[in-house]
Amino acid sequence: MVEPQLHRVTLPNGLRVVLAPDSAAGQASSGRAPVVGVSVHYDVGFRSEPEGRTGFAHLFEHLMFQGSESLEKLAHFRHVQGSGGTFNGSTHQDYTDYYQVLPSAALERALFLEADRMRAPKITEENLRNQVDVVKEEIRLNVLNRPYGGFPWILLPPVLYSTFANAHNGYGDFTDLEQATIDDCAAFFDTYYAPGNAVLTVTGDIDVERTVELVHKHFGDVPAREVPQRPSFAEPFPAGELRGSHVDRHAPLPAVALGYRLPDPVGELDAYLANVVLAAILSDGDASRLQQRMVHKESLVVDVHTGCGLMGAPLDARDPDTFTVTAIHTPEVGVDRVIGAVDEELEKLAADGPSADELARVTARWAASLYREHDRVVSRTLDLGSAELLHGRAELISELPERIGQVSAEDVAAAAKALRADARAVLEIHPAGDDKNGGAA
């Protein structure tokens, strides 16, 4: 993989632009297809939602696809797909992203589409009510009517965290969604969708000078607005073990999630990456410690996973972030045996650290995974944009393999030692009808 040379521009209205062209020698030498990726990351996510408006950031993401100043409803879909491209958007804890991947000849079309809805999305009462219904159906499909729906990213935070920003359901409560108004939408757009609160990323088969001209042409006249002061969502670490439970009427087996606070992903990046390596040593692949012990040798669980980040990926949020351990087990095994096995493996790593072979395996798997992912235009575009927004350094994505490789056995041991039983959350999932679920909520 040839790492792109990054170019940055900031427009007078405050929009930050990151350009990552393929090899300057051109497509023939780089071996890349004539494809471009365009994304816009806005500095607003679940944690910025006001109380009483759970799920609003995600709802607003849907509304941004319902037409704009110059285009009718569904026109965005038609223009991208008619160019042979793909598109989507997603809402995270600290940002919302929108992207298109198209043939390079359609670059200007993608820039026009993103600039037009940044300037003035078409938010009507009809669109709002329609998208509230769409989001409610999405919640039914992905959470309410699915086994282990919302586990752990919706169900664990209210056990581990105490503030509304960190603990509430980012998918949204039906009552809150139904009470959303056009005035709420206008206020949310005016507050968070200013160009100065966004990062535009363009990657792939592009000419830098021509792309800068097109960015100025389409985004230059988007009016500047005041950018909100980013709040701190910090809260104290737990002073003891916190417990919660939930009855899942679709779950065939009990499950448990453990949640621990992580070092600041931005301010304490090296300590955070030690936890990324720790998570991989614990559960990444059949050779990992928890897989070997809990699945293959002792048959304690049918599935176990550890990771950094509630949304399933590391470096996807600012502080506070969460280290999670999830396991699905049989009723005969019981949750205490599952938690006990996890604690024992953490204690071993805290005392002795991982072996050189384990570190080498994790480094190799991580490097291979990152290079494979970033060889795809969509992944490269989104990761560059989120790294620029959250860390102020899009270059971080190309540095990660080396930085992961520099994590030592001592670093991993320290990370394991910090995952203490007296400062974590324990969430138990009980199937409906489980006679042990008394008091579950």
Protein backbone atom coordinates (compact mmCIF):
# COMPACT_ATOMS: atom_id res chain seq x y z
CA MET A 1 0.00 0.00 0.00
CA VAL A 2 1.36 3.44 -1.01
CA GLU A 3 0.49 5.98 1.67
CA PRO A 4 -1.13 9.11 0.19
CA GLN A 5 0.52 12.50 0.51
CA LEU A 6 -1.93 14.68 2.40
CA HIS A 7 -2.81 18.24 1.44
CA ARG A 8 -4.82 20.61 3.63
CA VAL A 9 -6.87 23.71 2.91
CA THR A 10 -9.11 25.74 5.22
CA LEU A 11 -11.78 27.85 3.54
CA PRO A 12 -12.66 31.36 4.80
CA ASN A 13 -15.94 29.97 6.19
CA GLY A 14 -13.92 27.61 8.42
CA LEU A 15 -14.36 24.32 6.50
CA ARG A 16 -11.29 22.12 6.92
CA VAL A 17 -10.34 20.14 3.82
CA VAL A 18 -8.06 17.09 3.62
CA LEU A 19 -7.00 15.82 0.18
CA ALA A 20 -5.33 12.44 -0.21
CA PRO A 21 -4.54 11.77 -3.89
CA ASP A 22 -3.32 8.43 -5.15
CA SER A 23 0.28 8.16 -6.31
CA ALA A 24 1.40 11.32 -8.10
CA ALA A 25 2.80 9.13 -10.82
CA GLY A 26 -0.77 8.39 -11.85
CA GLN A 27 -3.13 5.50 -12.04
CA ALA A 28 -0.92 3.31 -14.18
CA SER A 29 1.87 3.11 -11.61
CA SER A 30 -0.35 3.05 -8.55
CA GLY A 31 -2.59 0.33 -9.90
CA ARG A 32 -5.68 2.09 -8.58
CA ALA A 33 -9.02 2.39 -10.32
CA PRO A 34 -10.26 5.83 -11.42
CA VAL A 35 -12.38 6.24 -8.28
CA VAL A 36 -12.79 9.02 -5.74
CA GLY A 37 -14.09 9.11 -2.18
CA VAL A 38 -15.75 12.21 -0.71
CA SER A 39 -16.79 12.44 2.93
CA VAL A 40 -17.93 15.14 5.33
CA HIS A 41 -17.52 14.63 9.08
CA TYR A 42 -19.51 16.93 11.37
CA ASP A 43 -18.36 17.39 14.96
CA VAL A 44 -21.63 16.22 16.53
CA GLY A 45 -22.81 12.81 17.68
CA PHE A 46 -24.94 11.04 20.26
CA ARG A 47 -23.20 12.75 23.16
CA SER A 48 -24.22 16.22 21.96
CA GLU A 49 -27.95 15.47 22.05
CA PRO A 50 -29.98 17.54 24.54
CA GLU A 51 -31.90 15.74 27.26
CA GLY A 52 -35.36 14.81 26.08
CA ARG A 53 -34.14 14.36 22.51
CA THR A 54 -32.45 10.96 22.57
CA GLY A 55 -31.64 9.69 19.10
CA PHE A 56 -31.82 13.15 17.58
CA ALA A 57 -28.32 13.12 16.02
CA HIS A 58 -29.15 9.90 14.18
CA LEU A 59 -32.58 11.19 13.16
CA PHE A 60 -30.95 14.31 11.74
CA GLU A 61 -28.54 12.17 9.73
CA HIS A 62 -31.58 10.64 8.02
CA LEU A 63 -33.05 14.08 7.34
CA MET A 64 -29.88 15.16 5.52
CA PHE A 65 -30.80 12.73 2.70
CA GLN A 66 -34.31 14.17 2.18
CA GLY A 67 -33.54 16.96 -0.27
CA SER A 68 -31.75 20.30 -0.16
CA GLU A 69 -31.80 23.86 -1.42
CA SER A 70 -31.52 22.86 -5.08
CA LEU A 71 -32.62 19.24 -5.11
CA GLU A 72 -35.89 17.48 -4.46
CA LYS A 73 -36.31 14.48 -2.17
CA LEU A 74 -34.35 11.39 -3.32
CA ALA A 75 -32.37 13.43 -5.87
CA HIS A 76 -29.15 12.79 -3.93
CA PHE A 77 -29.71 9.05 -4.28
CA ARG A 78 -30.45 9.33 -7.99
CA HIS A 79 -27.41 11.48 -8.81
CA VAL A 80 -24.92 9.27 -6.96
CA GLN A 81 -26.32 5.97 -8.16
CA GLY A 82 -26.74 7.34 -11.68
CA SER A 83 -23.02 8.06 -11.68
CA GLY A 84 -22.25 4.47 -10.73
CA GLY A 85 -21.48 5.40 -7.13
CA THR A 86 -22.44 4.42 -3.60
CA PHE A 87 -23.24 6.56 -0.57
CA ASN A 88 -24.28 6.44 3.07
CA GLY A 89 -23.98 8.14 6.42
CA SER A 90 -23.56 7.08 10.05
CA THR A 91 -23.84 8.59 13.50
CA HIS A 92 -21.28 7.92 16.22
CA GLN A 93 -20.68 9.12 19.77
CA ASP A 94 -18.76 12.25 18.74
CA TYR A 95 -19.34 12.73 15.02
CA THR A 96 -21.68 12.16 12.09
CA ASP A 97 -20.29 11.26 8.67
CA TYR A 98 -21.61 11.28 5.11
CA TYR A 99 -19.79 9.79 2.13
CA GLN A 100 -19.89 9.00 -1.57
CA VAL A 101 -17.60 6.76 -3.63
CA LEU A 102 -17.87 7.44 -7.36
CA PRO A 103 -15.94 7.31 -10.62
CA SER A 104 -13.41 10.14 -10.62
CA ALA A 105 -15.25 11.85 -13.50
CA ALA A 106 -18.13 12.46 -11.07
CA LEU A 107 -16.05 14.26 -8.42
CA GLU A 108 -17.67 17.64 -9.01
CA ARG A 109 -21.12 16.10 -8.70
CA ALA A 110 -20.26 14.68 -5.26
CA LEU A 111 -18.86 18.01 -4.06
CA PHE A 112 -21.96 19.85 -5.27
CA LEU A 113 -24.27 17.41 -3.47
CA GLU A 114 -22.45 17.71 -0.13
CA ALA A 115 -22.15 21.49 -0.36
CA ASP A 116 -25.81 21.90 -1.24
CA ARG A 117 -27.08 20.08 1.82
CA MET A 118 -24.46 21.74 4.05
CA ARG A 119 -25.86 25.05 2.83
CA ALA A 120 -29.56 24.30 3.28
CA PRO A 121 -31.10 20.85 3.74
CA LYS A 122 -34.82 20.65 3.02
CA ILE A 123 -36.38 19.88 6.39
CA THR A 124 -40.15 19.78 6.22
CA GLU A 125 -42.82 18.47 8.57
CA GLU A 126 -43.57 15.70 6.09
CA ASN A 127 -39.90 14.66 5.87
CA LEU A 128 -39.52 14.78 9.65
CA ARG A 129 -42.55 12.60 10.38
CA ASN A 130 -41.56 10.16 7.64
CA GLN A 131 -38.01 9.78 8.94
CA VAL A 132 -39.17 9.40 12.56
CA ASP A 133 -41.12 6.38 11.35
CA VAL A 134 -38.10 5.09 9.40
CA VAL A 135 -35.83 5.39 12.46
CA LYS A 136 -38.40 3.67 14.69
CA GLU A 137 -38.56 0.78 12.25
CA GLU A 138 -34.75 0.62 12.20
CA ILE A 139 -34.75 0.37 16.00
CA ARG A 140 -37.32 -2.41 15.90
CA LEU A 141 -35.23 -4.30 13.36
CA ASN A 142 -31.79 -3.79 14.92
CA VAL A 143 -32.59 -3.66 18.63
CA LEU A 144 -36.07 -4.54 19.82
CA ASN A 145 -36.72 -7.60 17.65
CA ARG A 146 -33.19 -8.98 17.39
CA PRO A 147 -31.42 -11.30 19.85
CA TYR A 148 -28.86 -9.29 21.85
CA GLY A 149 -30.02 -6.10 20.14
CA GLY A 150 -28.21 -3.08 21.54
CA PHE A 151 -25.77 -5.33 23.38
CA PRO A 152 -23.53 -3.84 24.57
CA TRP A 153 -23.46 -0.36 23.04
CA ILE A 154 -26.95 0.72 24.16
CA LEU A 155 -27.35 -1.37 27.33
CA LEU A 156 -23.90 -1.07 28.93
CA PRO A 157 -23.39 2.74 29.07
CA PRO A 158 -26.19 3.44 31.59
CA VAL A 159 -24.53 0.95 33.94
CA LEU A 160 -20.97 2.29 33.55
CA TYR A 161 -21.66 6.02 33.17
CA SER A 162 -23.63 8.49 35.25
CA THR A 163 -24.10 11.56 33.00
CA PHE A 164 -26.83 11.84 30.40
CA ALA A 165 -24.34 12.50 27.58
CA ASN A 166 -22.45 9.26 28.16
CA ALA A 167 -25.22 7.01 29.46
CA HIS A 168 -28.26 7.62 27.27
CA ASN A 169 -29.53 5.56 24.34
CA GLY A 170 -28.09 7.09 21.17
CA TYR A 171 -30.56 5.22 18.98
CA GLY A 172 -33.38 7.05 20.71
CA ASP A 173 -36.52 6.58 22.77
CA PHE A 174 -39.71 6.40 20.70
CA THR A 175 -41.39 9.14 22.76
CA ASP A 176 -38.43 11.50 22.33
CA LEU A 177 -38.30 10.83 18.58
CA GLU A 178 -42.02 11.44 18.15
CA GLN A 179 -41.81 14.77 19.99
CA ALA A 180 -39.06 16.17 17.72
CA THR A 181 -40.11 19.36 15.94
CA ILE A 182 -39.05 21.40 12.94
CA ASP A 183 -37.75 24.04 15.36
CA ASP A 184 -35.57 21.37 17.02
CA CYS A 185 -34.17 20.46 13.59
CA ALA A 186 -33.46 24.08 12.68
CA ALA A 187 -31.67 24.68 15.98
CA PHE A 188 -29.61 21.49 15.61
CA PHE A 189 -28.58 22.40 12.06
CA ASP A 190 -27.68 25.98 12.98
CA THR A 191 -25.65 24.84 15.97
CA TYR A 192 -23.71 21.86 14.65
CA TYR A 193 -23.80 21.83 10.84
CA ALA A 194 -21.73 24.97 10.29
CA PRO A 195 -18.83 24.58 7.82
CA GLY A 196 -16.40 25.46 10.61
CA ASN A 197 -17.64 22.40 12.51
CA ALA A 198 -16.86 19.99 9.67
CA VAL A 199 -14.04 18.24 7.82
CA LEU A 200 -14.28 17.51 4.09
CA THR A 201 -12.08 14.64 2.88
CA VAL A 202 -11.40 13.79 -0.76
CA THR A 203 -9.30 10.76 -1.69
CA GLY A 204 -8.37 8.65 -4.68
CA ASP A 205 -7.83 9.53 -8.32
CA ILE A 206 -7.77 13.32 -7.96
CA ASP A 207 -5.67 16.24 -9.14
CA VAL A 208 -5.00 18.38 -6.08
CA GLU A 209 -5.05 21.78 -7.76
CA ARG A 210 -8.25 21.07 -9.68
CA THR A 211 -9.92 19.59 -6.58
CA VAL A 212 -9.09 22.67 -4.51
CA GLU A 213 -10.70 24.82 -7.22
CA LEU A 214 -13.84 22.69 -7.13
CA VAL A 215 -13.99 22.78 -3.33
CA HIS A 216 -13.82 26.59 -3.37
CA LYS A 217 -16.43 26.71 -6.15
CA HIS A 218 -19.00 24.62 -4.32
CA PHE A 219 -18.28 25.16 -0.61
CA GLY A 220 -16.84 28.67 -0.67
CA ASP A 221 -20.21 30.41 -0.55
CA VAL A 222 -21.66 28.29 2.26
CA PRO A 223 -22.22 30.95 4.94
CA ALA A 224 -19.90 30.87 7.94
CA ARG A 225 -21.64 30.46 11.27
CA GLU A 226 -20.48 30.45 14.84
CA VAL A 227 -19.00 27.10 15.87
CA PRO A 228 -20.10 25.81 19.29
CA GLN A 229 -17.54 25.31 22.02
CA ARG A 230 -16.97 21.57 22.26
CA PRO A 231 -18.01 20.47 25.76
CA SER A 232 -16.08 18.06 27.91
CA PHE A 233 -17.96 14.84 28.57
CA ALA A 234 -15.52 13.76 31.27
CA GLU A 235 -16.82 12.10 34.42
CA PRO A 236 -15.11 10.30 37.30
CA PHE A 237 -14.06 6.66 37.03
CA PRO A 238 -16.32 4.27 38.96
CA ALA A 239 -15.50 4.01 42.65
CA GLY A 240 -16.69 0.38 42.80
CA GLU A 241 -18.18 -2.39 40.70
CA LEU A 242 -21.48 -1.35 39.10
CA ARG A 243 -24.13 -3.96 38.26
CA GLY A 244 -27.12 -4.02 35.94
CA SER A 245 -29.33 -6.55 34.18
CA HIS A 246 -31.67 -6.72 31.22
CA VAL A 247 -34.26 -9.26 30.03
CA ASP A 248 -33.95 -10.04 26.32
CA ARG A 249 -37.02 -11.97 25.15
CA HIS A 250 -35.27 -12.97 21.90
CA ALA A 251 -31.98 -14.17 23.38
CA PRO A 252 -31.56 -17.96 23.39
CA LEU A 253 -28.76 -17.90 26.00
CA PRO A 254 -27.59 -15.66 28.84
CA ALA A 255 -24.84 -13.16 28.19
CA VAL A 256 -22.64 -10.77 30.13
CA ALA A 257 -20.78 -7.58 29.28
CA LEU A 258 -17.97 -6.03 31.30
CA GLY A 259 -17.18 -2.36 30.79
CA TYR A 260 -14.02 -0.55 31.86
CA ARG A 261 -12.91 3.04 31.37
CA LEU A 262 -10.03 3.59 28.94
CA PRO A 263 -7.23 6.16 28.85
CA ASP A 264 -8.05 9.29 26.83
CA PRO A 265 -7.77 8.26 23.15
CA VAL A 266 -6.49 11.71 22.20
CA GLY A 267 -4.43 12.84 25.18
CA GLU A 268 -3.09 9.40 26.18
CA LEU A 269 -2.85 7.70 22.81
CA ASP A 270 0.03 5.33 23.62
CA ALA A 271 -1.71 4.04 26.76
CA TYR A 272 -4.90 3.65 24.73
CA LEU A 273 -3.09 1.64 22.03
CA ALA A 274 -1.74 -0.69 24.73
CA ASN A 275 -5.38 -1.55 25.46
CA VAL A 276 -6.00 -2.15 21.76
CA VAL A 277 -3.16 -4.70 21.80
CA LEU A 278 -4.47 -6.18 25.05
CA ALA A 279 -7.92 -6.68 23.51
CA ALA A 280 -6.39 -8.47 20.52
CA ILE A 281 -4.30 -10.75 22.74
CA LEU A 282 -7.41 -11.66 24.69
CA SER A 283 -9.85 -12.47 21.89
CA ASP A 284 -8.57 -11.84 18.34
CA GLY A 285 -8.41 -15.19 16.57
CA ASP A 286 -8.44 -18.81 17.71
CA ALA A 287 -4.96 -18.47 19.24
CA SER A 288 -6.03 -15.67 21.60
CA ARG A 289 -6.19 -16.33 25.33
CA LEU A 290 -9.92 -16.12 25.97
CA GLN A 291 -10.79 -18.04 22.82
CA GLN A 292 -8.37 -20.80 23.75
CA ARG A 293 -9.48 -21.09 27.35
CA MET A 294 -13.17 -20.21 27.36
CA VAL A 295 -14.25 -21.61 23.99
CA HIS A 296 -11.89 -24.44 23.08
CA LYS A 297 -10.55 -25.87 26.36
CA GLU A 298 -13.17 -25.31 29.06
CA SER A 299 -16.29 -24.69 26.93
CA LEU A 300 -17.41 -21.88 29.23
CA VAL A 301 -18.89 -19.73 26.46
CA VAL A 302 -20.15 -20.03 22.91
CA ASP A 303 -18.77 -16.60 22.03
CA VAL A 304 -16.39 -14.10 23.62
CA HIS A 305 -15.10 -10.78 22.37
CA THR A 306 -13.01 -7.93 23.78
CA GLY A 307 -12.46 -4.53 22.22
CA CYS A 308 -11.87 -0.82 22.61
CA GLY A 309 -14.83 1.37 21.73
CA LEU A 310 -18.57 0.96 22.29
CA MET A 311 -19.28 1.17 18.55
CA GLY A 312 -17.09 -1.83 17.76
CA ALA A 313 -13.94 -0.03 16.62
CA PRO A 314 -11.05 1.62 18.46
CA LEU A 315 -10.20 5.32 18.09
CA ASP A 316 -13.80 6.09 17.17
CA ALA A 317 -14.52 8.50 20.03
CA ARG A 318 -12.95 11.04 22.32
CA ASP A 319 -12.73 10.62 26.09
CA PRO A 320 -14.43 8.87 27.83
CA ASP A 321 -14.14 5.62 25.90
CA THR A 322 -14.87 2.05 26.94
CA PHE A 323 -13.06 -1.29 26.99
CA THR A 324 -15.65 -4.05 26.63
CA VAL A 325 -15.69 -7.79 27.22
CA THR A 326 -18.80 -9.61 26.00
CA ALA A 327 -19.60 -13.31 26.31
CA ILE A 328 -22.58 -15.54 25.57
CA HIS A 329 -22.74 -18.58 27.83
CA THR A 330 -25.03 -21.46 28.79
CA PRO A 331 -27.16 -21.28 31.95
CA GLU A 332 -25.28 -24.27 33.37
CA VAL A 333 -21.97 -22.40 33.35
CA GLY A 334 -23.22 -19.30 35.11
CA VAL A 335 -22.02 -15.74 34.94
CA ASP A 336 -19.64 -15.96 37.90
CA ARG A 337 -17.49 -18.63 36.23
CA VAL A 338 -17.34 -16.55 33.05
CA ILE A 339 -16.29 -13.38 34.87
CA GLY A 340 -13.84 -15.37 37.00
CA ALA A 341 -12.07 -16.72 33.91
CA VAL A 342 -11.76 -13.24 32.43
CA ASP A 343 -10.36 -11.90 35.69
CA GLU A 344 -7.81 -14.72 35.91
CA GLU A 345 -6.54 -14.06 32.39
CA LEU A 346 -6.25 -10.35 33.10
CA GLU A 347 -4.33 -11.11 36.31
CA LYS A 348 -1.90 -13.34 34.41
CA LEU A 349 -1.25 -10.64 31.83
CA ALA A 350 -0.89 -8.00 34.55
CA ALA A 351 1.71 -10.14 36.32
CA ASP A 352 3.71 -11.55 33.40
CA GLY A 353 2.69 -9.63 30.29
CA PRO A 354 2.21 -11.28 26.90
CA SER A 355 4.83 -13.39 25.18
CA ALA A 356 6.95 -12.12 22.31
CA ASP A 357 5.05 -14.44 19.97
CA GLU A 358 1.71 -12.98 21.07
CA LEU A 359 2.92 -9.43 20.44
CA ALA A 360 4.31 -10.38 17.03
CA ARG A 361 1.05 -12.08 16.06
CA VAL A 362 -1.05 -9.09 17.09
CA THR A 363 1.23 -6.65 15.28
CA ALA A 364 1.13 -8.69 12.08
CA ARG A 365 -2.66 -9.15 12.16
CA TRP A 366 -3.24 -5.47 12.90
CA ALA A 367 -0.92 -4.26 10.14
CA ALA A 368 -2.47 -6.64 7.61
CA SER A 369 -5.99 -5.62 8.60
CA LEU A 370 -5.26 -1.90 8.40
CA TYR A 371 -3.54 -2.12 5.03
CA ARG A 372 -6.36 -4.26 3.67
CA GLU A 373 -9.00 -1.85 4.93
CA HIS A 374 -7.25 1.28 3.71
CA ASP A 375 -6.77 -0.20 0.27
CA ARG A 376 -10.54 0.41 -0.06
CA VAL A 377 -11.34 4.00 -0.98
CA VAL A 378 -14.35 4.20 1.33
CA SER A 379 -12.44 3.03 4.42
CA ARG A 380 -9.47 5.27 3.67
CA THR A 381 -11.72 8.30 3.17
CA LEU A 382 -13.72 7.78 6.36
CA ASP A 383 -10.72 6.98 8.55
CA LEU A 384 -8.77 10.01 7.32
CA GLY A 385 -11.76 12.24 8.03
CA SER A 386 -12.46 10.90 11.51
CA ALA A 387 -8.77 11.03 12.48
CA GLU A 388 -8.57 14.66 11.34
CA LEU A 389 -11.72 15.57 13.25
CA LEU A 390 -11.03 13.71 16.50
CA HIS A 391 -7.23 13.89 16.67
CA GLY A 392 -6.40 16.82 14.39
CA ARG A 393 -4.08 14.47 12.49
CA ALA A 394 -5.33 12.46 9.54
CA GLU A 395 -1.76 11.09 9.28
CA LEU A 396 -2.50 8.93 12.30
CA ILE A 397 -4.12 6.21 10.20
CA SER A 398 -0.84 5.49 8.36
CA GLU A 399 1.17 5.62 11.60
CA LEU A 400 -0.94 3.06 13.45
CA PRO A 401 0.84 -0.14 12.30
CA GLU A 402 4.18 1.21 13.52
CA ARG A 403 2.74 2.57 16.76
CA ILE A 404 0.97 -0.71 17.47
CA GLY A 405 4.27 -2.47 16.83
CA GLN A 406 5.98 -0.30 19.45
CA VAL A 407 3.64 -1.42 22.25
CA SER A 408 5.74 -3.48 24.68
CA ALA A 409 4.90 -6.39 26.96
CA GLU A 410 5.23 -4.00 29.90
CA ASP A 411 2.70 -1.64 28.31
CA VAL A 412 0.19 -4.47 27.91
CA ALA A 413 0.76 -5.64 31.47
CA ALA A 414 0.06 -2.12 32.74
CA ALA A 415 -3.13 -1.95 30.67
CA ALA A 416 -4.33 -5.30 32.06
CA LYS A 417 -3.57 -4.19 35.62
CA ALA A 418 -5.70 -1.05 35.11
CA LEU A 419 -8.81 -3.09 34.21
CA ARG A 420 -9.86 -3.50 37.82
CA ALA A 421 -12.86 -5.40 39.09
CA ASP A 422 -13.60 -2.64 41.59
CA ALA A 423 -13.94 0.01 38.86
CA ARG A 424 -16.06 -1.62 36.18
CA ALA A 425 -19.62 -2.25 35.06
CA VAL A 426 -21.18 -5.71 34.82
CA LEU A 427 -24.28 -6.10 32.68
CA GLU A 428 -26.12 -9.44 32.65
CA ILE A 429 -28.50 -10.41 29.85
CA HIS A 430 -31.24 -12.86 30.84
CA PRO A 431 -33.40 -14.69 28.30
CA ALA A 432 -37.13 -14.34 28.89
CA GLY A 433 -38.31 -17.07 31.24
CA ASP A 434 -34.93 -17.42 32.93
CA ASP A 435 -35.80 -18.10 36.57
CA LYS A 436 -32.63 -16.28 37.64
CA ASN A 437 -33.66 -12.95 36.22
CA GLY A 438 -35.61 -11.67 39.18
CA GLY A 439 -35.34 -7.93 39.42
CA ALA A 440 -34.04 -7.54 35.87
CA ALA A 441 -35.08 -4.39 34.06
